[in-house]
Amino acid sequence: WMQFDDAWVDQVARGLRACSCFTWIPLYWLSYNQMNNNLVSQA
């Protein structure tokens, strides 16, 4: 199944690094999501 070259391995590693960066993003979206409901009700 290994039908790719060395460069693609490096690119997959880079893509997984990006996914690692996204691990913390849910804590940001908790703030953003307040606009969709609670801040509307607050108004």
PDB file of all heavy atoms in Angstrom:
ATOM      1  N   TRP A   1       0.821  -1.221   0.000  1.00  0.00           N
ATOM      2  CA  TRP A   1       0.000   0.000   0.000  1.00  0.00           C
ATOM      3  C   TRP A   1       0.850   1.265   0.000  1.00  0.00           C
ATOM      4  O   TRP A   1       0.325   2.366  -0.191  1.00  0.00           O
ATOM      5  CB  TRP A   1      -0.938   0.021   1.202  1.00  0.00           C
ATOM      6  CG  TRP A   1      -0.270  -0.199   2.535  1.00  0.00           C
ATOM      7  CD1 TRP A   1      -0.182  -1.380   3.211  1.00  0.00           C
ATOM      8  CD2 TRP A   1       0.406   0.772   3.344  1.00  0.00           C
ATOM      9  NE1 TRP A   1       0.512  -1.208   4.392  1.00  0.00           N
ATOM     10  CE2 TRP A   1       0.873   0.102   4.499  1.00  0.00           C
ATOM     11  CE3 TRP A   1       0.657   2.132   3.208  1.00  0.00           C
ATOM     12  CZ2 TRP A   1       1.582   0.762   5.500  1.00  0.00           C
ATOM     13  CZ3 TRP A   1       1.355   2.792   4.208  1.00  0.00           C
ATOM     14  CH2 TRP A   1       1.815   2.107   5.327  1.00  0.00           C
ATOM     15  N   MET A   2       2.152   1.147   0.188  1.00  0.00           N
ATOM     16  CA  MET A   2       3.016   2.327   0.248  1.00  0.00           C
ATOM     17  C   MET A   2       3.366   2.765  -1.177  1.00  0.00           C
ATOM     18  O   MET A   2       4.446   2.493  -1.700  1.00  0.00           O
ATOM     19  CB  MET A   2       4.271   2.034   1.067  1.00  0.00           C
ATOM     20  CG  MET A   2       5.086   3.281   1.383  1.00  0.00           C
ATOM     21  SD  MET A   2       6.426   2.972   2.563  1.00  0.00           S
ATOM     22  CE  MET A   2       5.509   2.987   4.112  1.00  0.00           C
ATOM     23  N   GLN A   3       2.435   3.454  -1.810  1.00  0.00           N
ATOM     24  CA  GLN A   3       2.568   3.868  -3.202  1.00  0.00           C
ATOM     25  C   GLN A   3       2.866   5.363  -3.304  1.00  0.00           C
ATOM     26  O   GLN A   3       2.391   6.049  -4.193  1.00  0.00           O
ATOM     27  CB  GLN A   3       1.291   3.517  -3.964  1.00  0.00           C
ATOM     28  CG  GLN A   3       0.974   2.030  -3.948  1.00  0.00           C
ATOM     29  CD  GLN A   3      -0.376   1.731  -4.577  1.00  0.00           C
ATOM     30  OE1 GLN A   3      -1.060   2.633  -5.061  1.00  0.00           O
ATOM     31  NE2 GLN A   3      -0.765   0.467  -4.593  1.00  0.00           N
ATOM     32  N   PHE A   4       3.643   5.875  -2.372  1.00  0.00           N
ATOM     33  CA  PHE A   4       3.963   7.309  -2.349  1.00  0.00           C
ATOM     34  C   PHE A   4       5.462   7.477  -2.139  1.00  0.00           C
ATOM     35  O   PHE A   4       6.187   6.498  -1.908  1.00  0.00           O
ATOM     36  CB  PHE A   4       3.171   8.023  -1.255  1.00  0.00           C
ATOM     37  CG  PHE A   4       3.101   7.271   0.046  1.00  0.00           C
ATOM     38  CD1 PHE A   4       4.166   7.279   0.934  1.00  0.00           C
ATOM     39  CD2 PHE A   4       1.969   6.540   0.391  1.00  0.00           C
ATOM     40  CE1 PHE A   4       4.107   6.588   2.130  1.00  0.00           C
ATOM     41  CE2 PHE A   4       1.897   5.843   1.595  1.00  0.00           C
ATOM     42  CZ  PHE A   4       2.974   5.866   2.461  1.00  0.00           C
ATOM     43  N   ASP A   5       5.926   8.720  -2.210  1.00  0.00           N
ATOM     44  CA  ASP A   5       7.347   9.005  -2.074  1.00  0.00           C
ATOM     45  C   ASP A   5       7.662   9.578  -0.696  1.00  0.00           C
ATOM     46  O   ASP A   5       6.768   9.796   0.138  1.00  0.00           O
ATOM     47  CB  ASP A   5       7.818   9.964  -3.178  1.00  0.00           C
ATOM     48  CG  ASP A   5       6.935  11.205  -3.275  1.00  0.00           C
ATOM     49  OD1 ASP A   5       6.227  11.520  -2.291  1.00  0.00           O
ATOM     50  OD2 ASP A   5       6.953  11.870  -4.328  1.00  0.00           O
ATOM     51  N   ASP A   6       8.948   9.847  -0.448  1.00  0.00           N
ATOM     52  CA  ASP A   6       9.383  10.375   0.844  1.00  0.00           C
ATOM     53  C   ASP A   6       8.750  11.724   1.145  1.00  0.00           C
ATOM     54  O   ASP A   6       8.418  12.030   2.297  1.00  0.00           O
ATOM     55  CB  ASP A   6      10.913  10.519   0.867  1.00  0.00           C
ATOM     56  CG  ASP A   6      11.612   9.175   0.954  1.00  0.00           C
ATOM     57  OD1 ASP A   6      10.932   8.143   0.918  1.00  0.00           O
ATOM     58  OD2 ASP A   6      12.858   9.164   1.044  1.00  0.00           O
ATOM     59  N   ALA A   7       8.587  12.556   0.099  1.00  0.00           N
ATOM     60  CA  ALA A   7       8.051  13.905   0.311  1.00  0.00           C
ATOM     61  C   ALA A   7       6.639  13.848   0.873  1.00  0.00           C
ATOM     62  O   ALA A   7       6.252  14.691   1.691  1.00  0.00           O
ATOM     63  CB  ALA A   7       8.069  14.691  -1.001  1.00  0.00           C
ATOM     64  N   TRP A   8       5.852  12.853   0.447  1.00  0.00           N
ATOM     65  CA  TRP A   8       4.490  12.762   0.954  1.00  0.00           C
ATOM     66  C   TRP A   8       4.479  12.391   2.431  1.00  0.00           C
ATOM     67  O   TRP A   8       3.606  12.818   3.178  1.00  0.00           O
ATOM     68  CB  TRP A   8       3.690  11.736   0.150  1.00  0.00           C
ATOM     69  CG  TRP A   8       2.207  11.861   0.363  1.00  0.00           C
ATOM     70  CD1 TRP A   8       1.390  12.865  -0.076  1.00  0.00           C
ATOM     71  CD2 TRP A   8       1.361  10.952   1.085  1.00  0.00           C
ATOM     72  NE1 TRP A   8       0.091  12.638   0.313  1.00  0.00           N
ATOM     73  CE2 TRP A   8       0.045  11.466   1.031  1.00  0.00           C
ATOM     74  CE3 TRP A   8       1.581   9.757   1.756  1.00  0.00           C
ATOM     75  CZ2 TRP A   8      -1.036  10.830   1.621  1.00  0.00           C
ATOM     76  CZ3 TRP A   8       0.496   9.109   2.351  1.00  0.00           C
ATOM     77  CH2 TRP A   8      -0.790   9.644   2.286  1.00  0.00           C
ATOM     78  N   VAL A   9       5.449  11.597   2.884  1.00  0.00           N
ATOM     79  CA  VAL A   9       5.558  11.279   4.303  1.00  0.00           C
ATOM     80  C   VAL A   9       5.779  12.562   5.105  1.00  0.00           C
ATOM     81  O   VAL A   9       5.154  12.778   6.154  1.00  0.00           O
ATOM     82  CB  VAL A   9       6.709  10.282   4.553  1.00  0.00           C
ATOM     83  CG1 VAL A   9       6.880  10.028   6.050  1.00  0.00           C
ATOM     84  CG2 VAL A   9       6.446   8.969   3.823  1.00  0.00           C
ATOM     85  N   ASP A  10       6.690  13.422   4.611  1.00  0.00           N
ATOM     86  CA  ASP A  10       6.922  14.697   5.303  1.00  0.00           C
ATOM     87  C   ASP A  10       5.673  15.561   5.315  1.00  0.00           C
ATOM     88  O   ASP A  10       5.379  16.258   6.292  1.00  0.00           O
ATOM     89  CB  ASP A  10       8.070  15.464   4.628  1.00  0.00           C
ATOM     90  CG  ASP A  10       9.427  14.898   4.993  1.00  0.00           C
ATOM     91  OD1 ASP A  10       9.545  14.256   6.052  1.00  0.00           O
ATOM     92  OD2 ASP A  10      10.377  15.099   4.219  1.00  0.00           O
ATOM     93  N   GLN A  11       4.901  15.530   4.218  1.00  0.00           N
ATOM     94  CA  GLN A  11       3.689  16.342   4.161  1.00  0.00           C
ATOM     95  C   GLN A  11       2.608  15.804   5.104  1.00  0.00           C
ATOM     96  O   GLN A  11       1.880  16.586   5.721  1.00  0.00           O
ATOM     97  CB  GLN A  11       3.163  16.390   2.726  1.00  0.00           C
ATOM     98  CG  GLN A  11       4.039  17.207   1.788  1.00  0.00           C
ATOM     99  CD  GLN A  11       3.448  17.324   0.400  1.00  0.00           C
ATOM    100  OE1 GLN A  11       2.378  16.798   0.113  1.00  0.00           O
ATOM    101  NE2 GLN A  11       4.168  18.009  -0.485  1.00  0.00           N
ATOM    102  N   VAL A  12       2.504  14.489   5.222  1.00  0.00           N
ATOM    103  CA  VAL A  12       1.554  13.911   6.178  1.00  0.00           C
ATOM    104  C   VAL A  12       1.960  14.298   7.596  1.00  0.00           C
ATOM    105  O   VAL A  12       1.112  14.654   8.435  1.00  0.00           O
ATOM    106  CB  VAL A  12       1.488  12.376   6.032  1.00  0.00           C
ATOM    107  CG1 VAL A  12       0.717  11.753   7.192  1.00  0.00           C
ATOM    108  CG2 VAL A  12       0.831  12.009   4.715  1.00  0.00           C
ATOM    109  N   ALA A  13       3.278  14.247   7.881  1.00  0.00           N
ATOM    110  CA  ALA A  13       3.760  14.657   9.200  1.00  0.00           C
ATOM    111  C   ALA A  13       3.398  16.110   9.479  1.00  0.00           C
ATOM    112  O   ALA A  13       2.975  16.468  10.578  1.00  0.00           O
ATOM    113  CB  ALA A  13       5.271  14.459   9.289  1.00  0.00           C
ATOM    114  N   ARG A  14       3.529  16.956   8.463  1.00  0.00           N
ATOM    115  CA  ARG A  14       3.175  18.366   8.616  1.00  0.00           C
ATOM    116  C   ARG A  14       1.677  18.533   8.834  1.00  0.00           C
ATOM    117  O   ARG A  14       1.235  19.337   9.666  1.00  0.00           O
ATOM    118  CB  ARG A  14       3.613  19.148   7.371  1.00  0.00           C
ATOM    119  CG  ARG A  14       3.326  20.634   7.437  1.00  0.00           C
ATOM    120  CD  ARG A  14       3.752  21.328   6.144  1.00  0.00           C
ATOM    121  NE  ARG A  14       2.979  20.864   4.999  1.00  0.00           N
ATOM    122  CZ  ARG A  14       3.170  21.284   3.753  1.00  0.00           C
ATOM    123  NH1 ARG A  14       4.125  22.159   3.491  1.00  0.00           N
ATOM    124  NH2 ARG A  14       2.436  20.828   2.760  1.00  0.00           N
ATOM    125  N   GLY A  15       0.864  17.772   8.104  1.00  0.00           N
ATOM    126  CA  GLY A  15      -0.579  17.850   8.298  1.00  0.00           C
ATOM    127  C   GLY A  15      -1.001  17.407   9.688  1.00  0.00           C
ATOM    128  O   GLY A  15      -1.883  18.007  10.308  1.00  0.00           O
ATOM    129  N   LEU A  16      -0.358  16.362  10.209  1.00  0.00           N
ATOM    130  CA  LEU A  16      -0.661  15.916  11.565  1.00  0.00           C
ATOM    131  C   LEU A  16      -0.202  16.944  12.593  1.00  0.00           C
ATOM    132  O   LEU A  16      -0.832  17.112  13.637  1.00  0.00           O
ATOM    133  CB  LEU A  16       0.015  14.574  11.826  1.00  0.00           C
ATOM    134  CG  LEU A  16      -0.597  13.376  11.075  1.00  0.00           C
ATOM    135  CD1 LEU A  16       0.246  12.139  11.282  1.00  0.00           C
ATOM    136  CD2 LEU A  16      -2.022  13.126  11.529  1.00  0.00           C
ATOM    137  N   ARG A  17       0.865  17.639  12.286  1.00  0.00           N
ATOM    138  CA  ARG A  17       1.301  18.720  13.172  1.00  0.00           C
ATOM    139  C   ARG A  17       0.229  19.802  13.235  1.00  0.00           C
ATOM    140  O   ARG A  17      -0.053  20.358  14.308  1.00  0.00           O
ATOM    141  CB  ARG A  17       2.621  19.318  12.683  1.00  0.00           C
ATOM    142  CG  ARG A  17       3.171  20.423  13.563  1.00  0.00           C
ATOM    143  CD  ARG A  17       4.447  21.014  12.968  1.00  0.00           C
ATOM    144  NE  ARG A  17       5.566  20.112  13.077  1.00  0.00           N
ATOM    145  CZ  ARG A  17       6.395  20.071  14.125  1.00  0.00           C
ATOM    146  NH1 ARG A  17       6.189  20.878  15.151  1.00  0.00           N
ATOM    147  NH2 ARG A  17       7.409  19.245  14.143  1.00  0.00           N
ATOM    148  N   ALA A  18      -0.376  20.123  12.085  1.00  0.00           N
ATOM    149  CA  ALA A  18      -1.457  21.107  12.071  1.00  0.00           C
ATOM    150  C   ALA A  18      -2.634  20.625  12.907  1.00  0.00           C
ATOM    151  O   ALA A  18      -3.221  21.391  13.677  1.00  0.00           O
ATOM    152  CB  ALA A  18      -1.894  21.382  10.633  1.00  0.00           C
ATOM    153  N   CYS A  19      -2.990  19.336  12.767  1.00  0.00           N
ATOM    154  CA  CYS A  19      -4.091  18.791  13.561  1.00  0.00           C
ATOM    155  C   CYS A  19      -3.773  18.857  15.047  1.00  0.00           C
ATOM    156  O   CYS A  19      -4.663  19.088  15.878  1.00  0.00           O
ATOM    157  CB  CYS A  19      -4.368  17.353  13.136  1.00  0.00           C
ATOM    158  SG  CYS A  19      -5.051  17.193  11.467  1.00  0.00           S
ATOM    159  N   SER A  20      -2.500  18.668  15.397  1.00  0.00           N
ATOM    160  CA  SER A  20      -2.098  18.802  16.798  1.00  0.00           C
ATOM    161  C   SER A  20      -2.343  20.218  17.296  1.00  0.00           C
ATOM    162  O   SER A  20      -2.784  20.427  18.427  1.00  0.00           O
ATOM    163  CB  SER A  20      -0.616  18.425  16.940  1.00  0.00           C
ATOM    164  OG  SER A  20      -0.132  18.725  18.224  1.00  0.00           O
ATOM    165  N   CYS A  21      -2.077  21.194  16.433  1.00  0.00           N
ATOM    166  CA  CYS A  21      -2.321  22.594  16.815  1.00  0.00           C
ATOM    167  C   CYS A  21      -3.797  22.844  17.109  1.00  0.00           C
ATOM    168  O   CYS A  21      -4.142  23.653  17.969  1.00  0.00           O
ATOM    169  CB  CYS A  21      -1.851  23.531  15.706  1.00  0.00           C
ATOM    170  SG  CYS A  21      -0.075  23.579  15.448  1.00  0.00           S
ATOM    171  N   PHE A  22      -4.670  22.163  16.393  1.00  0.00           N
ATOM    172  CA  PHE A  22      -6.102  22.408  16.523  1.00  0.00           C
ATOM    173  C   PHE A  22      -6.694  21.809  17.793  1.00  0.00           C
ATOM    174  O   PHE A  22      -7.866  22.054  18.105  1.00  0.00           O
ATOM    175  CB  PHE A  22      -6.846  21.843  15.308  1.00  0.00           C
ATOM    176  CG  PHE A  22      -6.422  22.440  13.994  1.00  0.00           C
ATOM    177  CD1 PHE A  22      -6.653  21.758  12.807  1.00  0.00           C
ATOM    178  CD2 PHE A  22      -5.784  23.666  13.941  1.00  0.00           C
ATOM    179  CE1 PHE A  22      -6.274  22.296  11.591  1.00  0.00           C
ATOM    180  CE2 PHE A  22      -5.384  24.213  12.719  1.00  0.00           C
ATOM    181  CZ  PHE A  22      -5.631  23.529  11.551  1.00  0.00           C
ATOM    182  N   THR A  23      -5.907  21.018  18.532  1.00  0.00           N
ATOM    183  CA  THR A  23      -6.422  20.343  19.715  1.00  0.00           C
ATOM    184  C   THR A  23      -6.981  21.321  20.745  1.00  0.00           C
ATOM    185  O   THR A  23      -7.940  21.019  21.454  1.00  0.00           O
ATOM    186  CB  THR A  23      -5.308  19.503  20.363  1.00  0.00           C
ATOM    187  OG1 THR A  23      -4.836  18.540  19.418  1.00  0.00           O
ATOM    188  CG2 THR A  23      -5.814  18.775  21.601  1.00  0.00           C
ATOM    189  N   TRP A  24      -6.400  22.516  20.824  1.00  0.00           N
ATOM    190  CA  TRP A  24      -6.812  23.495  21.845  1.00  0.00           C
ATOM    191  C   TRP A  24      -7.970  24.386  21.395  1.00  0.00           C
ATOM    192  O   TRP A  24      -8.551  25.111  22.208  1.00  0.00           O
ATOM    193  CB  TRP A  24      -5.626  24.386  22.214  1.00  0.00           C
ATOM    194  CG  TRP A  24      -4.480  23.613  22.781  1.00  0.00           C
ATOM    195  CD1 TRP A  24      -3.343  23.214  22.126  1.00  0.00           C
ATOM    196  CD2 TRP A  24      -4.356  23.122  24.117  1.00  0.00           C
ATOM    197  NE1 TRP A  24      -2.526  22.511  22.972  1.00  0.00           N
ATOM    198  CE2 TRP A  24      -3.127  22.434  24.202  1.00  0.00           C
ATOM    199  CE3 TRP A  24      -5.174  23.191  25.245  1.00  0.00           C
ATOM    200  CZ2 TRP A  24      -2.682  21.834  25.369  1.00  0.00           C
ATOM    201  CZ3 TRP A  24      -4.742  22.585  26.416  1.00  0.00           C
ATOM    202  CH2 TRP A  24      -3.510  21.920  26.465  1.00  0.00           C
ATOM    203  N   ILE A  25      -8.316  24.335  20.119  1.00  0.00           N
ATOM    204  CA  ILE A  25      -9.283  25.274  19.549  1.00  0.00           C
ATOM    205  C   ILE A  25     -10.672  25.187  20.185  1.00  0.00           C
ATOM    206  O   ILE A  25     -11.384  26.200  20.273  1.00  0.00           O
ATOM    207  CB  ILE A  25      -9.355  25.091  18.022  1.00  0.00           C
ATOM    208  CG1 ILE A  25      -8.009  25.438  17.390  1.00  0.00           C
ATOM    209  CG2 ILE A  25     -10.451  25.936  17.422  1.00  0.00           C
ATOM    210  CD1 ILE A  25      -7.532  26.855  17.653  1.00  0.00           C
ATOM    211  N   PRO A  26     -11.143  24.013  20.657  1.00  0.00           N
ATOM    212  CA  PRO A  26     -12.470  23.987  21.292  1.00  0.00           C
ATOM    213  C   PRO A  26     -12.633  24.984  22.425  1.00  0.00           C
ATOM    214  O   PRO A  26     -13.742  25.500  22.634  1.00  0.00           O
ATOM    215  CB  PRO A  26     -12.576  22.545  21.804  1.00  0.00           C
ATOM    216  CG  PRO A  26     -11.768  21.756  20.839  1.00  0.00           C
ATOM    217  CD  PRO A  26     -10.601  22.647  20.489  1.00  0.00           C
ATOM    218  N   LEU A  27     -11.560  25.298  23.146  1.00  0.00           N
ATOM    219  CA  LEU A  27     -11.679  26.265  24.234  1.00  0.00           C
ATOM    220  C   LEU A  27     -11.915  27.675  23.697  1.00  0.00           C
ATOM    221  O   LEU A  27     -12.523  28.507  24.379  1.00  0.00           O
ATOM    222  CB  LEU A  27     -10.411  26.232  25.098  1.00  0.00           C
ATOM    223  CG  LEU A  27     -10.140  24.907  25.818  1.00  0.00           C
ATOM    224  CD1 LEU A  27      -8.865  24.998  26.643  1.00  0.00           C
ATOM    225  CD2 LEU A  27     -11.321  24.521  26.700  1.00  0.00           C
ATOM    226  N   TYR A  28     -11.453  27.933  22.484  1.00  0.00           N
ATOM    227  CA  TYR A  28     -11.762  29.224  21.848  1.00  0.00           C
ATOM    228  C   TYR A  28     -13.229  29.264  21.427  1.00  0.00           C
ATOM    229  O   TYR A  28     -13.931  30.251  21.670  1.00  0.00           O
ATOM    230  CB  TYR A  28     -10.868  29.437  20.623  1.00  0.00           C
ATOM    231  CG  TYR A  28     -11.325  30.598  19.763  1.00  0.00           C
ATOM    232  CD1 TYR A  28     -11.012  31.901  20.110  1.00  0.00           C
ATOM    233  CD2 TYR A  28     -12.116  30.383  18.629  1.00  0.00           C
ATOM    234  CE1 TYR A  28     -11.464  32.969  19.340  1.00  0.00           C
ATOM    235  CE2 TYR A  28     -12.563  31.435  17.852  1.00  0.00           C
ATOM    236  CZ  TYR A  28     -12.240  32.730  18.215  1.00  0.00           C
ATOM    237  OH  TYR A  28     -12.688  33.777  17.469  1.00  0.00           O
ATOM    238  N   TRP A  29     -13.703  28.180  20.797  1.00  0.00           N
ATOM    239  CA  TRP A  29     -15.067  28.189  20.279  1.00  0.00           C
ATOM    240  C   TRP A  29     -16.108  28.246  21.383  1.00  0.00           C
ATOM    241  O   TRP A  29     -17.254  28.649  21.147  1.00  0.00           O
ATOM    242  CB  TRP A  29     -15.313  26.954  19.410  1.00  0.00           C
ATOM    243  CG  TRP A  29     -14.595  26.978  18.098  1.00  0.00           C
ATOM    244  CD1 TRP A  29     -13.676  26.082  17.656  1.00  0.00           C
ATOM    245  CD2 TRP A  29     -14.734  27.949  17.052  1.00  0.00           C
ATOM    246  NE1 TRP A  29     -13.227  26.436  16.410  1.00  0.00           N
ATOM    247  CE2 TRP A  29     -13.865  27.580  16.017  1.00  0.00           C
ATOM    248  CE3 TRP A  29     -15.511  29.094  16.899  1.00  0.00           C
ATOM    249  CZ2 TRP A  29     -13.747  28.305  14.836  1.00  0.00           C
ATOM    250  CZ3 TRP A  29     -15.395  29.825  15.725  1.00  0.00           C
ATOM    251  CH2 TRP A  29     -14.528  29.436  14.720  1.00  0.00           C
ATOM    252  N   LEU A  30     -15.758  27.861  22.613  1.00  0.00           N
ATOM    253  CA  LEU A  30     -16.696  28.012  23.719  1.00  0.00           C
ATOM    254  C   LEU A  30     -17.131  29.465  23.862  1.00  0.00           C
ATOM    255  O   LEU A  30     -18.307  29.756  24.128  1.00  0.00           O
ATOM    256  CB  LEU A  30     -16.059  27.536  25.027  1.00  0.00           C
ATOM    257  CG  LEU A  30     -16.001  26.033  25.283  1.00  0.00           C
ATOM    258  CD1 LEU A  30     -15.270  25.761  26.597  1.00  0.00           C
ATOM    259  CD2 LEU A  30     -17.407  25.427  25.335  1.00  0.00           C
ATOM    260  N   SER A  31     -16.198  30.378  23.702  1.00  0.00           N
ATOM    261  CA  SER A  31     -16.523  31.809  23.781  1.00  0.00           C
ATOM    262  C   SER A  31     -17.366  32.238  22.593  1.00  0.00           C
ATOM    263  O   SER A  31     -18.381  32.920  22.736  1.00  0.00           O
ATOM    264  CB  SER A  31     -15.236  32.641  23.840  1.00  0.00           C
ATOM    265  OG  SER A  31     -14.496  32.330  24.989  1.00  0.00           O
ATOM    266  N   TYR A  32     -16.937  31.838  21.410  1.00  0.00           N
ATOM    267  CA  TYR A  32     -17.657  32.226  20.199  1.00  0.00           C
ATOM    268  C   TYR A  32     -19.111  31.764  20.239  1.00  0.00           C
ATOM    269  O   TYR A  32     -20.029  32.490  19.845  1.00  0.00           O
ATOM    270  CB  TYR A  32     -16.943  31.639  18.985  1.00  0.00           C
ATOM    271  CG  TYR A  32     -17.641  31.895  17.672  1.00  0.00           C
ATOM    272  CD1 TYR A  32     -17.373  33.038  16.936  1.00  0.00           C
ATOM    273  CD2 TYR A  32     -18.580  30.992  17.165  1.00  0.00           C
ATOM    274  CE1 TYR A  32     -18.020  33.282  15.730  1.00  0.00           C
ATOM    275  CE2 TYR A  32     -19.240  31.225  15.973  1.00  0.00           C
ATOM    276  CZ  TYR A  32     -18.946  32.373  15.266  1.00  0.00           C
ATOM    277  OH  TYR A  32     -19.599  32.621  14.079  1.00  0.00           O
ATOM    278  N   ASN A  33     -19.337  30.551  20.711  1.00  0.00           N
ATOM    279  CA  ASN A  33     -20.682  29.973  20.683  1.00  0.00           C
ATOM    280  C   ASN A  33     -21.667  30.682  21.599  1.00  0.00           C
ATOM    281  O   ASN A  33     -22.886  30.491  21.462  1.00  0.00           O
ATOM    282  CB  ASN A  33     -20.618  28.491  21.050  1.00  0.00           C
ATOM    283  CG  ASN A  33     -19.940  27.660  19.972  1.00  0.00           C
ATOM    284  OD1 ASN A  33     -19.886  28.055  18.813  1.00  0.00           O
ATOM    285  ND2 ASN A  33     -19.415  26.504  20.362  1.00  0.00           N
ATOM    286  N   GLN A  34     -21.182  31.480  22.535  1.00  0.00           N
ATOM    287  CA  GLN A  34     -22.096  32.244  23.396  1.00  0.00           C
ATOM    288  C   GLN A  34     -22.940  33.217  22.573  1.00  0.00           C
ATOM    289  O   GLN A  34     -24.042  33.593  22.979  1.00  0.00           O
ATOM    290  CB  GLN A  34     -21.310  33.004  24.463  1.00  0.00           C
ATOM    291  CG  GLN A  34     -20.525  32.122  25.418  1.00  0.00           C
ATOM    292  CD  GLN A  34     -21.391  31.158  26.176  1.00  0.00           C
ATOM    293  OE1 GLN A  34     -22.402  31.530  26.759  1.00  0.00           O
ATOM    294  NE2 GLN A  34     -21.005  29.885  26.170  1.00  0.00           N
ATOM    295  N   MET A  35     -22.431  33.639  21.400  1.00  0.00           N
ATOM    296  CA  MET A  35     -23.179  34.580  20.563  1.00  0.00           C
ATOM    297  C   MET A  35     -24.423  33.953  19.967  1.00  0.00           C
ATOM    298  O   MET A  35     -25.378  34.656  19.615  1.00  0.00           O
ATOM    299  CB  MET A  35     -22.285  35.097  19.427  1.00  0.00           C
ATOM    300  CG  MET A  35     -21.096  35.916  19.859  1.00  0.00           C
ATOM    301  SD  MET A  35     -20.309  36.725  18.452  1.00  0.00           S
ATOM    302  CE  MET A  35     -20.017  35.351  17.365  1.00  0.00           C
ATOM    303  N   ASN A  36     -24.399  32.617  19.798  1.00  0.00           N
ATOM    304  CA  ASN A  36     -25.500  31.952  19.106  1.00  0.00           C
ATOM    305  C   ASN A  36     -26.731  31.744  19.972  1.00  0.00           C
ATOM    306  O   ASN A  36     -27.792  31.404  19.456  1.00  0.00           O
ATOM    307  CB  ASN A  36     -25.025  30.597  18.566  1.00  0.00           C
ATOM    308  CG  ASN A  36     -23.920  30.737  17.541  1.00  0.00           C
ATOM    309  OD1 ASN A  36     -23.843  31.731  16.837  1.00  0.00           O
ATOM    310  ND2 ASN A  36     -23.048  29.735  17.476  1.00  0.00           N
ATOM    311  N   ASN A  37     -26.583  31.904  21.276  1.00  0.00           N
ATOM    312  CA  ASN A  37     -27.732  31.627  22.137  1.00  0.00           C
ATOM    313  C   ASN A  37     -27.764  32.516  23.375  1.00  0.00           C
ATOM    314  O   ASN A  37     -28.646  33.352  23.515  1.00  0.00           O
ATOM    315  CB  ASN A  37     -27.746  30.141  22.536  1.00  0.00           C
ATOM    316  CG  ASN A  37     -26.353  29.576  22.703  1.00  0.00           C
ATOM    317  OD1 ASN A  37     -25.612  29.984  23.587  1.00  0.00           O
ATOM    318  ND2 ASN A  37     -25.981  28.633  21.848  1.00  0.00           N
ATOM    319  N   ASN A  38     -26.796  32.378  24.267  1.00  0.00           N
ATOM    320  CA  ASN A  38     -26.890  33.079  25.550  1.00  0.00           C
ATOM    321  C   ASN A  38     -26.843  34.594  25.410  1.00  0.00           C
ATOM    322  O   ASN A  38     -27.558  35.310  26.125  1.00  0.00           O
ATOM    323  CB  ASN A  38     -25.772  32.603  26.493  1.00  0.00           C
ATOM    324  CG  ASN A  38     -26.074  31.237  27.079  1.00  0.00           C
ATOM    325  OD1 ASN A  38     -27.232  30.885  27.279  1.00  0.00           O
ATOM    326  ND2 ASN A  38     -25.045  30.452  27.341  1.00  0.00           N
ATOM    327  N   LEU A  39     -26.010  35.113  24.523  1.00  0.00           N
ATOM    328  CA  LEU A  39     -25.961  36.569  24.363  1.00  0.00           C
ATOM    329  C   LEU A  39     -27.246  37.087  23.703  1.00  0.00           C
ATOM    330  O   LEU A  39     -27.672  38.220  23.972  1.00  0.00           O
ATOM    331  CB  LEU A  39     -24.735  36.987  23.555  1.00  0.00           C
ATOM    332  CG  LEU A  39     -23.399  36.934  24.305  1.00  0.00           C
ATOM    333  CD1 LEU A  39     -22.249  37.302  23.382  1.00  0.00           C
ATOM    334  CD2 LEU A  39     -23.422  37.868  25.517  1.00  0.00           C
ATOM    335  N   VAL A  40     -27.868  36.276  22.853  1.00  0.00           N
ATOM    336  CA  VAL A  40     -29.157  36.662  22.263  1.00  0.00           C
ATOM    337  C   VAL A  40     -30.213  36.747  23.362  1.00  0.00           C
ATOM    338  O   VAL A  40     -31.012  37.696  23.421  1.00  0.00           O
ATOM    339  CB  VAL A  40     -29.575  35.662  21.174  1.00  0.00           C
ATOM    340  CG1 VAL A  40     -30.974  35.990  20.656  1.00  0.00           C
ATOM    341  CG2 VAL A  40     -28.579  35.688  20.018  1.00  0.00           C
ATOM    342  N   SER A  41     -30.207  35.757  24.252  1.00  0.00           N
ATOM    343  CA  SER A  41     -31.160  35.766  25.362  1.00  0.00           C
ATOM    344  C   SER A  41     -30.853  36.900  26.334  1.00  0.00           C
ATOM    345  O   SER A  41     -31.778  37.514  26.894  1.00  0.00           O
ATOM    346  CB  SER A  41     -31.115  34.420  26.100  1.00  0.00           C
ATOM    347  OG  SER A  41     -31.465  33.368  25.242  1.00  0.00           O
ATOM    348  N   GLN A  42     -29.588  37.194  26.533  1.00  0.00           N
ATOM    349  CA  GLN A  42     -29.210  38.306  27.409  1.00  0.00           C
ATOM    350  C   GLN A  42     -29.767  39.626  26.873  1.00  0.00           C
ATOM    351  O   GLN A  42     -30.268  40.463  27.637  1.00  0.00           O
ATOM    352  CB  GLN A  42     -27.685  38.393  27.519  1.00  0.00           C
ATOM    353  CG  GLN A  42     -27.203  39.462  28.495  1.00  0.00           C
ATOM    354  CD  GLN A  42     -25.687  39.645  28.425  1.00  0.00           C
ATOM    355  OE1 GLN A  42     -25.157  40.197  27.463  1.00  0.00           O
ATOM    356  NE2 GLN A  42     -24.997  39.202  29.473  1.00  0.00           N
ATOM    357  N   ALA A  43     -29.711  39.795  25.548  1.00  0.00           N
ATOM    358  CA  ALA A  43     -30.219  41.034  24.949  1.00  0.00           C
ATOM    359  C   ALA A  43     -31.708  41.213  25.221  1.00  0.00           C
ATOM    360  O   ALA A  43     -32.193  42.342  25.400  1.00  0.00           O
ATOM    361  CB  ALA A  43     -29.959  41.026  23.446  1.00  0.00           C
TER     362      ALA A  43
END
